[in-house]
Amino acid sequence: MTTKHKSPTSGSSIHPRLSGVSGADKSIAGSEHNTIYHFWQRSRKYLTNTRVQKDMSNKSGISQKHMRNNEIYICQHEASTMLT
């Protein structure tokens, strides 16, 4: 008595062939209607702009630490030195 075994992908709705799926060759970045991708892009842009604005607003009173002869010196930089 012989038993026929089905192929794991033949007739299966769980594993459709990629050639039969429309748009399977498109990347996530190329998709115009991918909401998650666009949300991620906007959040990256927003975080970058916030960081730049924070740096610009703190330029007038930045203290920087400098190491010289194993001692830490804190130097206060004025706005005029940061803009040049």
PDB file of N, CA and C in Angstrom:
ATOM      1  N   MET A   1       0.838  -1.181   0.000  1.00  0.00           N
ATOM      2  CA  MET A   1       0.000   0.000   0.000  1.00  0.00           C
ATOM      3  C   MET A   1       0.885   1.246   0.000  1.00  0.00           C
ATOM      4  N   THR A   2       0.636   2.143  -0.906  1.00  0.00           N
ATOM      5  CA  THR A   2       1.434   3.362  -0.999  1.00  0.00           C
ATOM      6  C   THR A   2       0.609   4.549  -0.525  1.00  0.00           C
ATOM      7  N   THR A   3       1.303   5.489   0.096  1.00  0.00           N
ATOM      8  CA  THR A   3       0.645   6.700   0.585  1.00  0.00           C
ATOM      9  C   THR A   3       1.199   7.891  -0.167  1.00  0.00           C
ATOM     10  N   LYS A   4       0.322   8.726  -0.691  1.00  0.00           N
ATOM     11  CA  LYS A   4       0.761   9.926  -1.394  1.00  0.00           C
ATOM     12  C   LYS A   4       0.911  11.063  -0.392  1.00  0.00           C
ATOM     13  N   HIS A   5       2.035  11.767  -0.482  1.00  0.00           N
ATOM     14  CA  HIS A   5       2.277  12.921   0.393  1.00  0.00           C
ATOM     15  C   HIS A   5       2.095  14.200  -0.407  1.00  0.00           C
ATOM     16  N   LYS A   6       1.381  15.127   0.165  1.00  0.00           N
ATOM     17  CA  LYS A   6       1.184  16.419  -0.502  1.00  0.00           C
ATOM     18  C   LYS A   6       2.393  17.313  -0.249  1.00  0.00           C
ATOM     19  N   SER A   7       2.694  18.101  -1.218  1.00  0.00           N
ATOM     20  CA  SER A   7       3.747  19.108  -1.054  1.00  0.00           C
ATOM     21  C   SER A   7       3.258  20.140  -0.039  1.00  0.00           C
ATOM     22  N   PRO A   8       4.135  20.648   0.845  1.00  0.00           N
ATOM     23  CA  PRO A   8       3.677  21.598   1.866  1.00  0.00           C
ATOM     24  C   PRO A   8       3.107  22.891   1.295  1.00  0.00           C
ATOM     25  N   THR A   9       3.481  23.245   0.062  1.00  0.00           N
ATOM     26  CA  THR A   9       2.992  24.511  -0.499  1.00  0.00           C
ATOM     27  C   THR A   9       1.904  24.317  -1.546  1.00  0.00           C
ATOM     28  N   SER A  10       1.620  23.083  -1.939  1.00  0.00           N
ATOM     29  CA  SER A  10       0.635  22.894  -3.010  1.00  0.00           C
ATOM     30  C   SER A  10      -0.776  23.093  -2.468  1.00  0.00           C
ATOM     31  N   GLY A  11      -1.500  24.021  -3.062  1.00  0.00           N
ATOM     32  CA  GLY A  11      -2.881  24.262  -2.672  1.00  0.00           C
ATOM     33  C   GLY A  11      -3.055  24.867  -1.293  1.00  0.00           C
ATOM     34  N   SER A  12      -2.014  25.384  -0.718  1.00  0.00           N
ATOM     35  CA  SER A  12      -2.100  25.942   0.630  1.00  0.00           C
ATOM     36  C   SER A  12      -2.407  27.426   0.573  1.00  0.00           C
ATOM     37  N   SER A  13      -3.351  27.856   1.386  1.00  0.00           N
ATOM     38  CA  SER A  13      -3.660  29.291   1.435  1.00  0.00           C
ATOM     39  C   SER A  13      -2.707  30.025   2.371  1.00  0.00           C
ATOM     40  N   ILE A  14      -1.954  29.278   3.168  1.00  0.00           N
ATOM     41  CA  ILE A  14      -1.011  29.904   4.103  1.00  0.00           C
ATOM     42  C   ILE A  14       0.250  30.356   3.382  1.00  0.00           C
ATOM     43  N   HIS A  15       0.691  29.607   2.380  1.00  0.00           N
ATOM     44  CA  HIS A  15       1.920  29.923   1.659  1.00  0.00           C
ATOM     45  C   HIS A  15       1.616  30.176   0.185  1.00  0.00           C
ATOM     46  N   PRO A  16       1.053  31.313  -0.175  1.00  0.00           N
ATOM     47  CA  PRO A  16       0.800  31.559  -1.603  1.00  0.00           C
ATOM     48  C   PRO A  16       2.107  31.813  -2.339  1.00  0.00           C
ATOM     49  N   ARG A  17       2.104  31.529  -3.622  1.00  0.00           N
ATOM     50  CA  ARG A  17       3.303  31.809  -4.417  1.00  0.00           C
ATOM     51  C   ARG A  17       3.461  33.305  -4.583  1.00  0.00           C
ATOM     52  N   LEU A  18       4.678  33.777  -4.469  1.00  0.00           N
ATOM     53  CA  LEU A  18       4.927  35.214  -4.549  1.00  0.00           C
ATOM     54  C   LEU A  18       4.577  35.785  -5.913  1.00  0.00           C
ATOM     55  N   SER A  19       4.713  34.989  -6.963  1.00  0.00           N
ATOM     56  CA  SER A  19       4.394  35.503  -8.295  1.00  0.00           C
ATOM     57  C   SER A  19       2.905  35.785  -8.444  1.00  0.00           C
ATOM     58  N   GLY A  20       2.072  35.122  -7.655  1.00  0.00           N
ATOM     59  CA  GLY A  20       0.636  35.342  -7.731  1.00  0.00           C
ATOM     60  C   GLY A  20       0.152  36.518  -6.901  1.00  0.00           C
ATOM     61  N   VAL A  21       1.000  37.071  -6.072  1.00  0.00           N
ATOM     62  CA  VAL A  21       0.606  38.181  -5.205  1.00  0.00           C
ATOM     63  C   VAL A  21       0.940  39.486  -5.898  1.00  0.00           C
ATOM     64  N   SER A  22      -0.046  40.359  -6.059  1.00  0.00           N
ATOM     65  CA  SER A  22       0.224  41.632  -6.733  1.00  0.00           C
ATOM     66  C   SER A  22       1.009  42.550  -5.810  1.00  0.00           C
ATOM     67  N   GLY A  23       2.055  43.153  -6.331  1.00  0.00           N
ATOM     68  CA  GLY A  23       2.868  44.080  -5.544  1.00  0.00           C
ATOM     69  C   GLY A  23       3.878  43.401  -4.645  1.00  0.00           C
ATOM     70  N   ALA A  24       4.129  42.094  -4.840  1.00  0.00           N
ATOM     71  CA  ALA A  24       5.067  41.383  -3.977  1.00  0.00           C
ATOM     72  C   ALA A  24       6.498  41.825  -4.208  1.00  0.00           C
ATOM     73  N   ASP A  25       6.785  42.373  -5.392  1.00  0.00           N
ATOM     74  CA  ASP A  25       8.149  42.779  -5.698  1.00  0.00           C
ATOM     75  C   ASP A  25       8.448  44.201  -5.238  1.00  0.00           C
ATOM     76  N   LYS A  26       7.477  44.889  -4.645  1.00  0.00           N
ATOM     77  CA  LYS A  26       7.708  46.265  -4.194  1.00  0.00           C
ATOM     78  C   LYS A  26       8.338  46.261  -2.807  1.00  0.00           C
ATOM     79  N   SER A  27       9.214  47.195  -2.574  1.00  0.00           N
ATOM     80  CA  SER A  27       9.816  47.317  -1.254  1.00  0.00           C
ATOM     81  C   SER A  27       8.910  48.148  -0.363  1.00  0.00           C
ATOM     82  N   ILE A  28       9.183  48.123   0.930  1.00  0.00           N
ATOM     83  CA  ILE A  28       8.396  48.925   1.878  1.00  0.00           C
ATOM     84  C   ILE A  28       8.592  50.406   1.595  1.00  0.00           C
ATOM     85  N   ALA A  29       9.832  50.800   1.290  1.00  0.00           N
ATOM     86  CA  ALA A  29      10.112  52.214   1.041  1.00  0.00           C
ATOM     87  C   ALA A  29       9.413  52.709  -0.209  1.00  0.00           C
ATOM     88  N   GLY A  30       9.178  51.840  -1.188  1.00  0.00           N
ATOM     89  CA  GLY A  30       8.548  52.254  -2.424  1.00  0.00           C
ATOM     90  C   GLY A  30       7.032  52.292  -2.354  1.00  0.00           C
ATOM     91  N   SER A  31       6.459  51.769  -1.301  1.00  0.00           N
ATOM     92  CA  SER A  31       5.007  51.738  -1.181  1.00  0.00           C
ATOM     93  C   SER A  31       4.476  53.108  -0.797  1.00  0.00           C
ATOM     94  N   GLU A  32       3.515  53.585  -1.565  1.00  0.00           N
ATOM     95  CA  GLU A  32       2.942  54.907  -1.292  1.00  0.00           C
ATOM     96  C   GLU A  32       1.897  54.861  -0.189  1.00  0.00           C
ATOM     97  N   HIS A  33       1.366  53.679   0.101  1.00  0.00           N
ATOM     98  CA  HIS A  33       0.264  53.580   1.048  1.00  0.00           C
ATOM     99  C   HIS A  33       0.658  52.817   2.305  1.00  0.00           C
ATOM    100  N   ASN A  34       1.908  52.798   2.643  1.00  0.00           N
ATOM    101  CA  ASN A  34       2.346  52.098   3.838  1.00  0.00           C
ATOM    102  C   ASN A  34       2.342  53.081   5.004  1.00  0.00           C
ATOM    103  N   THR A  35       1.316  53.036   5.829  1.00  0.00           N
ATOM    104  CA  THR A  35       1.121  54.008   6.905  1.00  0.00           C
ATOM    105  C   THR A  35       2.223  53.933   7.943  1.00  0.00           C
ATOM    106  N   ILE A  36       2.630  52.731   8.310  1.00  0.00           N
ATOM    107  CA  ILE A  36       3.655  52.585   9.349  1.00  0.00           C
ATOM    108  C   ILE A  36       4.973  53.181   8.887  1.00  0.00           C
ATOM    109  N   TYR A  37       5.343  52.955   7.629  1.00  0.00           N
ATOM    110  CA  TYR A  37       6.596  53.501   7.112  1.00  0.00           C
ATOM    111  C   TYR A  37       6.570  55.023   7.118  1.00  0.00           C
ATOM    112  N   HIS A  38       5.470  55.625   6.668  1.00  0.00           N
ATOM    113  CA  HIS A  38       5.388  57.085   6.633  1.00  0.00           C
ATOM    114  C   HIS A  38       5.375  57.677   8.036  1.00  0.00           C
ATOM    115  N   PHE A  39       4.706  57.006   8.975  1.00  0.00           N
ATOM    116  CA  PHE A  39       4.703  57.466  10.362  1.00  0.00           C
ATOM    117  C   PHE A  39       6.119  57.445  10.925  1.00  0.00           C
ATOM    118  N   TRP A  40       6.882  56.378  10.611  1.00  0.00           N
ATOM    119  CA  TRP A  40       8.258  56.259  11.088  1.00  0.00           C
ATOM    120  C   TRP A  40       9.123  57.370  10.499  1.00  0.00           C
ATOM    121  N   GLN A  41       8.943  57.660   9.209  1.00  0.00           N
ATOM    122  CA  GLN A  41       9.720  58.722   8.569  1.00  0.00           C
ATOM    123  C   GLN A  41       9.425  60.076   9.207  1.00  0.00           C
ATOM    124  N   ARG A  42       8.132  60.353   9.467  1.00  0.00           N
ATOM    125  CA  ARG A  42       7.773  61.633  10.087  1.00  0.00           C
ATOM    126  C   ARG A  42       8.327  61.740  11.491  1.00  0.00           C
ATOM    127  N   SER A  43       8.300  60.658  12.264  1.00  0.00           N
ATOM    128  CA  SER A  43       8.801  60.709  13.637  1.00  0.00           C
ATOM    129  C   SER A  43      10.311  60.929  13.648  1.00  0.00           C
ATOM    130  N   ARG A  44      11.038  60.339  12.699  1.00  0.00           N
ATOM    131  CA  ARG A  44      12.485  60.571  12.621  1.00  0.00           C
ATOM    132  C   ARG A  44      12.766  62.037  12.311  1.00  0.00           C
ATOM    133  N   LYS A  45      12.010  62.608  11.371  1.00  0.00           N
ATOM    134  CA  LYS A  45      12.197  64.003  10.986  1.00  0.00           C
ATOM    135  C   LYS A  45      11.875  64.925  12.150  1.00  0.00           C
ATOM    136  N   TYR A  46      10.797  64.628  12.888  1.00  0.00           N
ATOM    137  CA  TYR A  46      10.393  65.451  14.028  1.00  0.00           C
ATOM    138  C   TYR A  46      11.459  65.418  15.117  1.00  0.00           C
ATOM    139  N   LEU A  47      11.999  64.225  15.413  1.00  0.00           N
ATOM    140  CA  LEU A  47      13.018  64.117  16.460  1.00  0.00           C
ATOM    141  C   LEU A  47      14.276  64.880  16.080  1.00  0.00           C
ATOM    142  N   THR A  48      14.662  64.827  14.812  1.00  0.00           N
ATOM    143  CA  THR A  48      15.849  65.548  14.358  1.00  0.00           C
ATOM    144  C   THR A  48      15.639  67.046  14.491  1.00  0.00           C
ATOM    145  N   ASN A  49      14.482  67.552  14.059  1.00  0.00           N
ATOM    146  CA  ASN A  49      14.205  68.982  14.156  1.00  0.00           C
ATOM    147  C   ASN A  49      14.154  69.447  15.600  1.00  0.00           C
ATOM    148  N   THR A  50      13.608  68.652  16.502  1.00  0.00           N
ATOM    149  CA  THR A  50      13.545  69.012  17.915  1.00  0.00           C
ATOM    150  C   THR A  50      14.947  69.119  18.492  1.00  0.00           C
ATOM    151  N   ARG A  51      15.818  68.188  18.145  1.00  0.00           N
ATOM    152  CA  ARG A  51      17.184  68.196  18.652  1.00  0.00           C
ATOM    153  C   ARG A  51      17.924  69.442  18.170  1.00  0.00           C
ATOM    154  N   VAL A  52      17.741  69.818  16.909  1.00  0.00           N
ATOM    155  CA  VAL A  52      18.399  71.006  16.360  1.00  0.00           C
ATOM    156  C   VAL A  52      17.887  72.254  17.054  1.00  0.00           C
ATOM    157  N   GLN A  53      16.578  72.363  17.271  1.00  0.00           N
ATOM    158  CA  GLN A  53      16.012  73.529  17.946  1.00  0.00           C
ATOM    159  C   GLN A  53      16.523  73.630  19.372  1.00  0.00           C
ATOM    160  N   LYS A  54      16.669  72.506  20.058  1.00  0.00           N
ATOM    161  CA  LYS A  54      17.173  72.511  21.427  1.00  0.00           C
ATOM    162  C   LYS A  54      18.620  73.008  21.445  1.00  0.00           C
ATOM    163  N   ASP A  55      19.439  72.544  20.503  1.00  0.00           N
ATOM    164  CA  ASP A  55      20.830  72.992  20.424  1.00  0.00           C
ATOM    165  C   ASP A  55      20.907  74.485  20.138  1.00  0.00           C
ATOM    166  N   MET A  56      20.052  74.989  19.256  1.00  0.00           N
ATOM    167  CA  MET A  56      20.075  76.408  18.917  1.00  0.00           C
ATOM    168  C   MET A  56      19.663  77.266  20.109  1.00  0.00           C
ATOM    169  N   SER A  57      18.707  76.803  20.903  1.00  0.00           N
ATOM    170  CA  SER A  57      18.232  77.603  22.027  1.00  0.00           C
ATOM    171  C   SER A  57      19.230  77.616  23.181  1.00  0.00           C
ATOM    172  N   ASN A  58      20.116  76.642  23.257  1.00  0.00           N
ATOM    173  CA  ASN A  58      21.076  76.569  24.360  1.00  0.00           C
ATOM    174  C   ASN A  58      22.440  77.157  24.011  1.00  0.00           C
ATOM    175  N   LYS A  59      22.592  77.775  22.842  1.00  0.00           N
ATOM    176  CA  LYS A  59      23.910  78.262  22.422  1.00  0.00           C
ATOM    177  C   LYS A  59      24.436  79.378  23.312  1.00  0.00           C
ATOM    178  N   SER A  60      23.571  80.161  23.949  1.00  0.00           N
ATOM    179  CA  SER A  60      24.048  81.317  24.712  1.00  0.00           C
ATOM    180  C   SER A  60      24.728  80.917  26.012  1.00  0.00           C
ATOM    181  N   GLY A  61      24.420  79.796  26.595  1.00  0.00           N
ATOM    182  CA  GLY A  61      25.027  79.445  27.877  1.00  0.00           C
ATOM    183  C   GLY A  61      25.494  78.012  27.948  1.00  0.00           C
ATOM    184  N   ILE A  62      26.381  77.607  27.078  1.00  0.00           N
ATOM    185  CA  ILE A  62      26.879  76.228  27.071  1.00  0.00           C
ATOM    186  C   ILE A  62      28.170  76.157  27.875  1.00  0.00           C
ATOM    187  N   SER A  63      28.238  75.202  28.796  1.00  0.00           N
ATOM    188  CA  SER A  63      29.500  74.967  29.493  1.00  0.00           C
ATOM    189  C   SER A  63      30.113  73.703  28.940  1.00  0.00           C
ATOM    190  N   GLN A  64      31.379  73.758  28.633  1.00  0.00           N
ATOM    191  CA  GLN A  64      32.072  72.593  28.106  1.00  0.00           C
ATOM    192  C   GLN A  64      33.187  72.205  29.066  1.00  0.00           C
ATOM    193  N   LYS A  65      33.367  70.886  29.204  1.00  0.00           N
ATOM    194  CA  LYS A  65      34.427  70.384  30.072  1.00  0.00           C
ATOM    195  C   LYS A  65      35.662  70.105  29.224  1.00  0.00           C
ATOM    196  N   HIS A  66      36.802  70.569  29.704  1.00  0.00           N
ATOM    197  CA  HIS A  66      38.069  70.318  29.022  1.00  0.00           C
ATOM    198  C   HIS A  66      39.006  69.616  29.995  1.00  0.00           C
ATOM    199  N   MET A  67      39.765  68.657  29.487  1.00  0.00           N
ATOM    200  CA  MET A  67      40.696  67.912  30.322  1.00  0.00           C
ATOM    201  C   MET A  67      42.101  68.400  30.029  1.00  0.00           C
ATOM    202  N   ARG A  68      42.815  68.833  31.059  1.00  0.00           N
ATOM    203  CA  ARG A  68      44.188  69.281  30.887  1.00  0.00           C
ATOM    204  C   ARG A  68      44.979  68.837  32.116  1.00  0.00           C
ATOM    205  N   ASN A  69      46.044  68.082  31.901  1.00  0.00           N
ATOM    206  CA  ASN A  69      46.890  67.560  32.977  1.00  0.00           C
ATOM    207  C   ASN A  69      46.064  66.796  34.017  1.00  0.00           C
ATOM    208  N   ASN A  70      45.183  65.938  33.541  1.00  0.00           N
ATOM    209  CA  ASN A  70      44.323  65.107  34.381  1.00  0.00           C
ATOM    210  C   ASN A  70      43.399  65.907  35.297  1.00  0.00           C
ATOM    211  N   GLU A  71      43.121  67.171  34.982  1.00  0.00           N
ATOM    212  CA  GLU A  71      42.164  67.967  35.738  1.00  0.00           C
ATOM    213  C   GLU A  71      41.080  68.454  34.782  1.00  0.00           C
ATOM    214  N   ILE A  72      39.882  68.559  35.286  1.00  0.00           N
ATOM    215  CA  ILE A  72      38.764  68.983  34.448  1.00  0.00           C
ATOM    216  C   ILE A  72      38.532  70.473  34.630  1.00  0.00           C
ATOM    217  N   TYR A  73      38.534  71.192  33.519  1.00  0.00           N
ATOM    218  CA  TYR A  73      38.249  72.624  33.521  1.00  0.00           C
ATOM    219  C   TYR A  73      36.910  72.839  32.822  1.00  0.00           C
ATOM    220  N   ILE A  74      36.060  73.637  33.432  1.00  0.00           N
ATOM    221  CA  ILE A  74      34.774  73.956  32.818  1.00  0.00           C
ATOM    222  C   ILE A  74      34.847  75.369  32.273  1.00  0.00           C
ATOM    223  N   CYS A  75      34.645  75.500  30.966  1.00  0.00           N
ATOM    224  CA  CYS A  75      34.738  76.802  30.309  1.00  0.00           C
ATOM    225  C   CYS A  75      33.354  77.242  29.863  1.00  0.00           C
ATOM    226  N   GLN A  76      33.019  78.491  30.163  1.00  0.00           N
ATOM    227  CA  GLN A  76      31.743  79.058  29.734  1.00  0.00           C
ATOM    228  C   GLN A  76      31.945  79.732  28.386  1.00  0.00           C
ATOM    229  N   HIS A  77      31.177  79.331  27.398  1.00  0.00           N
ATOM    230  CA  HIS A  77      31.270  79.917  26.069  1.00  0.00           C
ATOM    231  C   HIS A  77      30.140  80.910  25.887  1.00  0.00           C
ATOM    232  N   GLU A  78      30.456  82.063  25.349  1.00  0.00           N
ATOM    233  CA  GLU A  78      29.449  83.093  25.091  1.00  0.00           C
ATOM    234  C   GLU A  78      28.829  82.871  23.719  1.00  0.00           C
ATOM    235  N   ALA A  79      27.706  83.506  23.476  1.00  0.00           N
ATOM    236  CA  ALA A  79      26.995  83.359  22.205  1.00  0.00           C
ATOM    237  C   ALA A  79      27.822  83.889  21.040  1.00  0.00           C
ATOM    238  N   SER A  80      28.611  84.923  21.259  1.00  0.00           N
ATOM    239  CA  SER A  80      29.396  85.499  20.165  1.00  0.00           C
ATOM    240  C   SER A  80      30.468  84.532  19.678  1.00  0.00           C
ATOM    241  N   THR A  81      31.055  83.735  20.571  1.00  0.00           N
ATOM    242  CA  THR A  81      32.078  82.779  20.139  1.00  0.00           C
ATOM    243  C   THR A  81      31.449  81.584  19.439  1.00  0.00           C
ATOM    244  N   MET A  82      30.203  81.247  19.763  1.00  0.00           N
ATOM    245  CA  MET A  82      29.557  80.097  19.143  1.00  0.00           C
ATOM    246  C   MET A  82      29.047  80.418  17.739  1.00  0.00           C
ATOM    247  N   LEU A  83      28.750  81.663  17.464  1.00  0.00           N
ATOM    248  CA  LEU A  83      28.196  82.024  16.164  1.00  0.00           C
ATOM    249  C   LEU A  83      29.257  82.193  15.097  1.00  0.00           C
ATOM    250  N   THR A  84      30.513  82.371  15.468  1.00  0.00           N
ATOM    251  CA  THR A  84      31.563  82.584  14.473  1.00  0.00           C
ATOM    252  C   THR A  84      32.146  81.291  14.009  1.00  0.00           C
TER     253      THR A  84
END
